[in-house]
C-alpha atoms as a PDB file:
ATOM      1  CA  MET A   1    -147.845  -9.614 -23.540  1.00  0.00           C
ATOM      2  CA  SER A   2    -145.249  -8.940 -26.077  1.00  0.00           C
ATOM      3  CA  THR A   3    -141.700  -9.524 -24.718  1.00  0.00           C
ATOM      4  CA  GLY A   4    -139.756  -8.660 -27.949  1.00  0.00           C
ATOM      5  CA  GLN A   5    -138.358  -5.015 -29.107  1.00  0.00           C
ATOM      6  CA  THR A   6    -141.067  -3.088 -30.732  1.00  0.00           C
ATOM      7  CA  LYS A   7    -141.352  -2.077 -33.936  1.00  0.00           C
ATOM      8  CA  THR A   8    -142.503   1.535 -34.924  1.00  0.00           C
ATOM      9  CA  THR A   9    -141.168   1.958 -38.062  1.00  0.00           C
ATOM     10  CA  GLY A  10    -141.340   0.288 -41.472  1.00  0.00           C
ATOM     11  CA  GLU A  11    -144.015  -1.878 -43.285  1.00  0.00           C
ATOM     12  CA  GLN A  12    -144.763  -4.044 -40.072  1.00  0.00           C
ATOM     13  CA  ARG A  13    -145.477  -2.379 -37.056  1.00  0.00           C
ATOM     14  CA  ASP A  14    -146.441  -3.189 -33.527  1.00  0.00           C
ATOM     15  CA  TYR A  15    -149.282  -1.115 -31.650  1.00  0.00           C
ATOM     16  CA  ALA A  16    -150.147  -1.693 -27.929  1.00  0.00           C
ATOM     17  CA  PHE A  17    -152.542  -0.144 -25.272  1.00  0.00           C
ATOM     18  CA  GLY A  18    -153.268  -1.327 -21.540  1.00  0.00           C
ATOM     19  CA  VAL A  19    -156.588  -3.050 -20.691  1.00  0.00           C
ATOM     20  CA  PRO A  20    -157.805  -1.994 -17.208  1.00  0.00           C
ATOM     21  CA  ASP A  21    -157.901  -5.308 -15.034  1.00  0.00           C
ATOM     22  CA  ASP A  22    -161.863  -5.278 -14.484  1.00  0.00           C
ATOM     23  CA  VAL A  23    -162.393  -5.596 -18.147  1.00  0.00           C
ATOM     24  CA  GLU A  24    -163.359  -8.965 -19.486  1.00  0.00           C
ATOM     25  CA  GLY A  25    -164.421  -8.608 -22.859  1.00  0.00           C
ATOM     26  CA  GLY A  26    -163.667  -6.063 -25.756  1.00  0.00           C
ATOM     27  CA  ALA A  27    -163.758  -5.462 -29.238  1.00  0.00           C
ATOM     28  CA  LEU A  28    -161.293  -3.460 -31.317  1.00  0.00           C
ATOM     29  CA  LEU A  29    -163.242  -1.106 -33.717  1.00  0.00           C
ATOM     30  CA  ILE A  30    -161.467  -0.289 -37.017  1.00  0.00           C
ATOM     31  CA  TYR A  31    -162.924   2.674 -39.215  1.00  0.00           C
ATOM     32  CA  ALA A  32    -161.694   3.548 -42.753  1.00  0.00           C
ATOM     33  CA  ASN A  33    -161.743   6.877 -44.730  1.00  0.00           C
ATOM     34  CA  GLY A  34    -160.603   6.852 -48.094  1.00  0.00           C
ATOM     35  CA  LYS A  35    -160.396  10.476 -48.512  1.00  0.00           C
ATOM     36  CA  ARG A  36    -158.685  11.688 -45.459  1.00  0.00           C
ATOM     37  CA  ASN A  37    -157.531  11.049 -41.760  1.00  0.00           C
ATOM     38  CA  LEU A  38    -160.628  12.200 -39.999  1.00  0.00           C
ATOM     39  CA  PHE A  39    -163.275  10.116 -38.377  1.00  0.00           C
ATOM     40  CA  LEU A  40    -166.451  10.935 -37.113  1.00  0.00           C
ATOM     41  CA  THR A  41    -165.773   9.926 -33.543  1.00  0.00           C
ATOM     42  CA  GLU A  42    -163.677  11.067 -30.329  1.00  0.00           C
ATOM     43  CA  ARG A  43    -162.787   7.602 -29.592  1.00  0.00           C
ATOM     44  CA  VAL A  44    -159.968   6.828 -32.302  1.00  0.00           C
ATOM     45  CA  HIS A  45    -156.837   5.879 -30.599  1.00  0.00           C
ATOM     46  CA  PHE A  46    -154.351   6.020 -33.445  1.00  0.00           C
ATOM     47  CA  ALA A  47    -154.855   6.276 -37.113  1.00  0.00           C
ATOM     48  CA  ILE A  48    -152.863   4.413 -39.723  1.00  0.00           C
ATOM     49  CA  GLN A  49    -152.232   5.398 -43.431  1.00  0.00           C
ATOM     50  CA  VAL A  50    -151.925   2.295 -46.091  1.00  0.00           C
ATOM     51  CA  GLU A  51    -150.782   2.689 -49.216  1.00  0.00           C
ATOM     52  CA  ARG A  52    -152.780   1.014 -52.302  1.00  0.00           C
ATOM     53  CA  ARG A  53    -151.576  -0.255 -55.464  1.00  0.00           C
ATOM     54  CA  ALA A  54    -153.308   2.378 -57.650  1.00  0.00           C
ATOM     55  CA  GLY A  55    -155.296   5.547 -56.319  1.00  0.00           C
ATOM     56  CA  ARG A  56    -155.216   7.089 -53.150  1.00  0.00           C
ATOM     57  CA  PRO A  57    -154.049   5.796 -49.842  1.00  0.00           C
ATOM     58  CA  VAL A  58    -156.724   4.556 -47.326  1.00  0.00           C
ATOM     59  CA  PHE A  59    -156.688   5.942 -43.631  1.00  0.00           C
ATOM     60  CA  PHE A  60    -157.817   3.431 -40.495  1.00  0.00           C
ATOM     61  CA  GLY A  61    -158.774   4.491 -37.448  1.00  0.00           C
ATOM     62  CA  ILE A  62    -158.665   1.780 -34.641  1.00  0.00           C
ATOM     63  CA  THR A  63    -159.840   1.944 -30.973  1.00  0.00           C
ATOM     64  CA  ALA A  64    -160.341  -0.518 -28.056  1.00  0.00           C
ATOM     65  CA  VAL A  65    -163.889  -0.398 -26.172  1.00  0.00           C
ATOM     66  CA  ALA A  66    -165.049  -2.632 -23.284  1.00  0.00           C
ATOM     67  CA  ARG A  67    -167.868  -5.209 -24.478  1.00  0.00           C
ATOM     68  CA  ASP A  68    -169.967  -7.818 -22.828  1.00  0.00           C
ATOM     69  CA  ARG A  69    -168.003 -10.922 -23.064  1.00  0.00           C
ATOM     70  CA  ILE A  70    -169.019 -13.582 -25.649  1.00  0.00           C
ATOM     71  CA  GLY A  71    -169.719 -16.941 -24.547  1.00  0.00           C
ATOM     72  CA  ALA A  72    -170.621 -18.676 -21.365  1.00  0.00           C
ATOM     73  CA  GLU A  73    -169.332 -17.106 -17.679  1.00  0.00           C
ATOM     74  CA  ASP A  74    -166.607 -19.696 -17.094  1.00  0.00           C
ATOM     75  CA  GLU A  75    -165.372 -19.378 -20.859  1.00  0.00           C
ATOM     76  CA  GLY A  76    -162.680 -17.369 -22.069  1.00  0.00           C
ATOM     77  CA  GLY A  77    -161.406 -16.736 -25.560  1.00  0.00           C
ATOM     78  CA  VAL A  78    -160.542 -14.551 -28.639  1.00  0.00           C
ATOM     79  CA  SER A  79    -162.290 -14.518 -31.863  1.00  0.00           C
ATOM     80  CA  VAL A  80    -160.411 -13.067 -34.755  1.00  0.00           C
ATOM     81  CA  LEU A  81    -161.424 -12.178 -38.696  1.00  0.00           C
ATOM     82  CA  ALA A  82    -158.574 -11.612 -40.705  1.00  0.00           C
ATOM     83  CA  GLY A  83    -157.713 -10.954 -44.282  1.00  0.00           C
ATOM     84  CA  PHE A  84    -158.977  -7.816 -45.467  1.00  0.00           C
ATOM     85  CA  ASP A  85    -156.404  -6.137 -47.721  1.00  0.00           C
ATOM     86  CA  PRO A  86    -157.644  -2.729 -48.541  1.00  0.00           C
ATOM     87  CA  ARG A  87    -154.609  -2.701 -51.342  1.00  0.00           C
ATOM     88  CA  LYS A  88    -156.113  -5.500 -53.074  1.00  0.00           C
ATOM     89  CA  ARG A  89    -157.787  -4.631 -56.835  1.00  0.00           C
ATOM     90  CA  PRO A  90    -161.299  -4.994 -57.247  1.00  0.00           C
ATOM     91  CA  ASP A  91    -160.789  -8.068 -59.582  1.00  0.00           C
ATOM     92  CA  GLU A  92    -158.548 -10.188 -56.901  1.00  0.00           C
ATOM     93  CA  ALA A  93    -160.980 -12.510 -54.749  1.00  0.00           C
ATOM     94  CA  ASP A  94    -161.232 -11.835 -50.698  1.00  0.00           C
ATOM     95  CA  ASN A  95    -159.397 -14.435 -48.693  1.00  0.00           C
ATOM     96  CA  CYS A  96    -160.804 -14.345 -45.361  1.00  0.00           C
ATOM     97  CA  LEU A  97    -160.126 -16.224 -42.065  1.00  0.00           C
ATOM     98  CA  PHE A  98    -162.403 -16.709 -38.966  1.00  0.00           C
ATOM     99  CA  LEU A  99    -160.563 -18.220 -35.682  1.00  0.00           C
ATOM    100  CA  ARG A 100    -162.078 -18.783 -32.435  1.00  0.00           C
ATOM    101  CA  GLY A 101    -159.875 -19.626 -29.679  1.00  0.00           C
ATOM    102  CA  LEU A 102    -160.946 -20.793 -26.146  1.00  0.00           C
END
């Protein structure tokens, strides 16, 4: 839960949505489109535009969905894969990080 001021402008912004109490597991689905802000799904909650160093922007559609929980019944946690940078040049290395918090 965030207790600070929500950032809605600028390079770094905050996005928040509610989760019903009966949802035990979920996923954030991220769709990408390099041509326009259009996705073949009715489930996109919001979309963002990311400018690239060269060329056209990339559009990301984001939605949250309920999923079966990962792990044992008595085990909670969050899995995160981070490091994707759509502004990276093709000759730059990918830097990714996988975290599993229990």
